[in-house]
Amino acid sequence: MNVTKRFAVLATAVALLAAPAAAVAQASVAAGPTTGSTTRPVVGPGWHHVQDFAPDDLGGCHARGQWYLDNGANRYECRPAGVWQLWVLTDS
């Protein structure tokens, strides 16, 4: 009986220690990938930051934005933020 109690306490301790790690992993999966400076596929409705361009490459931002328009996006914006950020609006 003493072994059973020790095993139960150990199992409870392991479950409590594993619970926060599982919650963090689940939250990071639910949050999705972080926005970065590389091209990422646009998923879901709304505005998405998809790519950064050099401060002197506004033409490249517009060219890539036009590509997104030709491939199903509703709108795009090149926003100044030290670099040109390409933002794309989608409905799906």
C-alpha atoms as a PDB file:
ATOM      1  CA  MET A   1       0.000   0.000   0.000  1.00  0.00           C
ATOM      2  CA  ASN A   2       2.866   2.370   0.714  1.00  0.00           C
ATOM      3  CA  VAL A   3       4.216   1.809  -2.813  1.00  0.00           C
ATOM      4  CA  THR A   4       0.790   2.597  -4.274  1.00  0.00           C
ATOM      5  CA  LYS A   5       0.639   5.907  -2.404  1.00  0.00           C
ATOM      6  CA  ARG A   6       4.130   6.857  -3.563  1.00  0.00           C
ATOM      7  CA  PHE A   7       3.268   5.995  -7.136  1.00  0.00           C
ATOM      8  CA  ALA A   8       0.075   8.074  -6.953  1.00  0.00           C
ATOM      9  CA  VAL A   9       1.983  11.076  -5.551  1.00  0.00           C
ATOM     10  CA  LEU A  10       4.687  10.698  -8.212  1.00  0.00           C
ATOM     11  CA  ALA A  11       2.098  10.433 -11.007  1.00  0.00           C
ATOM     12  CA  THR A  12       0.310  13.535  -9.732  1.00  0.00           C
ATOM     13  CA  ALA A  13       3.577  15.487  -9.536  1.00  0.00           C
ATOM     14  CA  VAL A  14       4.538  14.510 -13.080  1.00  0.00           C
ATOM     15  CA  ALA A  15       1.095  15.521 -14.373  1.00  0.00           C
ATOM     16  CA  LEU A  16       1.334  18.907 -12.652  1.00  0.00           C
ATOM     17  CA  LEU A  17       4.805  19.534 -14.039  1.00  0.00           C
ATOM     18  CA  ALA A  18       3.781  18.542 -17.569  1.00  0.00           C
ATOM     19  CA  ALA A  19       0.554  20.595 -17.587  1.00  0.00           C
ATOM     20  CA  PRO A  20       2.172  24.062 -17.992  1.00  0.00           C
ATOM     21  CA  ALA A  21       4.417  22.824 -20.815  1.00  0.00           C
ATOM     22  CA  ALA A  22       1.447  21.317 -22.621  1.00  0.00           C
ATOM     23  CA  ALA A  23      -0.539  24.530 -22.191  1.00  0.00           C
ATOM     24  CA  VAL A  24       2.308  26.624 -23.623  1.00  0.00           C
ATOM     25  CA  ALA A  25       2.731  24.275 -26.585  1.00  0.00           C
ATOM     26  CA  GLN A  26      -0.995  24.307 -27.267  1.00  0.00           C
ATOM     27  CA  ALA A  27      -1.134  28.121 -27.050  1.00  0.00           C
ATOM     28  CA  SER A  28       1.774  28.536 -29.471  1.00  0.00           C
ATOM     29  CA  VAL A  29       0.112  26.216 -31.978  1.00  0.00           C
ATOM     30  CA  ALA A  30      -3.178  28.118 -31.659  1.00  0.00           C
ATOM     31  CA  ALA A  31      -1.430  31.465 -32.114  1.00  0.00           C
ATOM     32  CA  GLY A  32       0.175  30.342 -35.363  1.00  0.00           C
ATOM     33  CA  PRO A  33       3.454  31.520 -36.783  1.00  0.00           C
ATOM     34  CA  THR A  34       4.836  34.895 -35.837  1.00  0.00           C
ATOM     35  CA  THR A  35       5.015  37.614 -38.436  1.00  0.00           C
ATOM     36  CA  GLY A  36       8.475  37.930 -39.862  1.00  0.00           C
ATOM     37  CA  SER A  37      10.293  39.495 -42.752  1.00  0.00           C
ATOM     38  CA  THR A  38      10.054  36.483 -45.045  1.00  0.00           C
ATOM     39  CA  THR A  39       7.311  35.619 -47.469  1.00  0.00           C
ATOM     40  CA  ARG A  40       4.614  33.496 -45.860  1.00  0.00           C
ATOM     41  CA  PRO A  41       1.432  32.079 -47.308  1.00  0.00           C
ATOM     42  CA  VAL A  42      -1.626  34.170 -46.553  1.00  0.00           C
ATOM     43  CA  VAL A  43      -4.158  32.181 -44.550  1.00  0.00           C
ATOM     44  CA  GLY A  44      -7.551  33.350 -43.333  1.00  0.00           C
ATOM     45  CA  PRO A  45      -9.436  36.613 -43.746  1.00  0.00           C
ATOM     46  CA  GLY A  46      -8.060  40.021 -42.837  1.00  0.00           C
ATOM     47  CA  TRP A  47      -4.821  41.945 -43.235  1.00  0.00           C
ATOM     48  CA  HIS A  48      -1.554  39.985 -43.278  1.00  0.00           C
ATOM     49  CA  HIS A  49       2.010  41.279 -43.176  1.00  0.00           C
ATOM     50  CA  VAL A  50       3.702  39.115 -45.772  1.00  0.00           C
ATOM     51  CA  GLN A  51       7.064  40.647 -46.602  1.00  0.00           C
ATOM     52  CA  ASP A  52       9.525  43.491 -45.897  1.00  0.00           C
ATOM     53  CA  PHE A  53      11.390  45.411 -48.602  1.00  0.00           C
ATOM     54  CA  ALA A  54      14.406  47.694 -48.339  1.00  0.00           C
ATOM     55  CA  PRO A  55      13.690  51.410 -47.756  1.00  0.00           C
ATOM     56  CA  ASP A  56      14.631  52.163 -51.386  1.00  0.00           C
ATOM     57  CA  ASP A  57      12.591  49.280 -52.911  1.00  0.00           C
ATOM     58  CA  LEU A  58       9.048  50.671 -53.041  1.00  0.00           C
ATOM     59  CA  GLY A  59       8.743  49.388 -56.625  1.00  0.00           C
ATOM     60  CA  GLY A  60       9.497  45.844 -55.471  1.00  0.00           C
ATOM     61  CA  CYS A  61       6.808  46.132 -52.816  1.00  0.00           C
ATOM     62  CA  HIS A  62       4.237  47.234 -55.401  1.00  0.00           C
ATOM     63  CA  ALA A  63       5.291  44.509 -57.850  1.00  0.00           C
ATOM     64  CA  ARG A  64       4.851  41.820 -55.193  1.00  0.00           C
ATOM     65  CA  GLY A  65       1.553  43.390 -54.090  1.00  0.00           C
ATOM     66  CA  GLN A  66       0.310  43.192 -57.679  1.00  0.00           C
ATOM     67  CA  TRP A  67       1.243  39.502 -57.712  1.00  0.00           C
ATOM     68  CA  TYR A  68      -0.977  38.979 -54.663  1.00  0.00           C
ATOM     69  CA  LEU A  69      -3.838  40.872 -56.379  1.00  0.00           C
ATOM     70  CA  ASP A  70      -3.488  38.641 -59.441  1.00  0.00           C
ATOM     71  CA  ASN A  71      -3.623  35.566 -57.197  1.00  0.00           C
ATOM     72  CA  GLY A  72      -6.748  36.249 -55.134  1.00  0.00           C
ATOM     73  CA  ALA A  73      -6.029  39.062 -52.679  1.00  0.00           C
ATOM     74  CA  ASN A  74      -8.538  41.929 -52.447  1.00  0.00           C
ATOM     75  CA  ARG A  75      -6.078  44.747 -51.703  1.00  0.00           C
ATOM     76  CA  TYR A  76      -2.509  45.375 -50.757  1.00  0.00           C
ATOM     77  CA  GLU A  77      -0.661  48.217 -49.049  1.00  0.00           C
ATOM     78  CA  CYS A  78       2.995  49.137 -48.887  1.00  0.00           C
ATOM     79  CA  ARG A  79       3.376  50.684 -45.430  1.00  0.00           C
ATOM     80  CA  PRO A  80       6.471  52.652 -44.373  1.00  0.00           C
ATOM     81  CA  ALA A  81       8.064  51.414 -41.146  1.00  0.00           C
ATOM     82  CA  GLY A  82      11.780  51.986 -41.650  1.00  0.00           C
ATOM     83  CA  VAL A  83      11.402  49.405 -44.412  1.00  0.00           C
ATOM     84  CA  TRP A  84       8.470  48.951 -46.777  1.00  0.00           C
ATOM     85  CA  GLN A  85       6.063  46.412 -45.324  1.00  0.00           C
ATOM     86  CA  LEU A  86       3.747  44.609 -47.721  1.00  0.00           C
ATOM     87  CA  TRP A  87       0.291  44.011 -46.197  1.00  0.00           C
ATOM     88  CA  VAL A  88      -2.335  41.969 -48.051  1.00  0.00           C
ATOM     89  CA  LEU A  89      -6.102  41.862 -47.455  1.00  0.00           C
ATOM     90  CA  THR A  90      -7.952  38.589 -48.050  1.00  0.00           C
ATOM     91  CA  ASP A  91     -11.493  37.341 -47.455  1.00  0.00           C
ATOM     92  CA  SER A  92     -10.726  33.645 -47.319  1.00  0.00           C
END
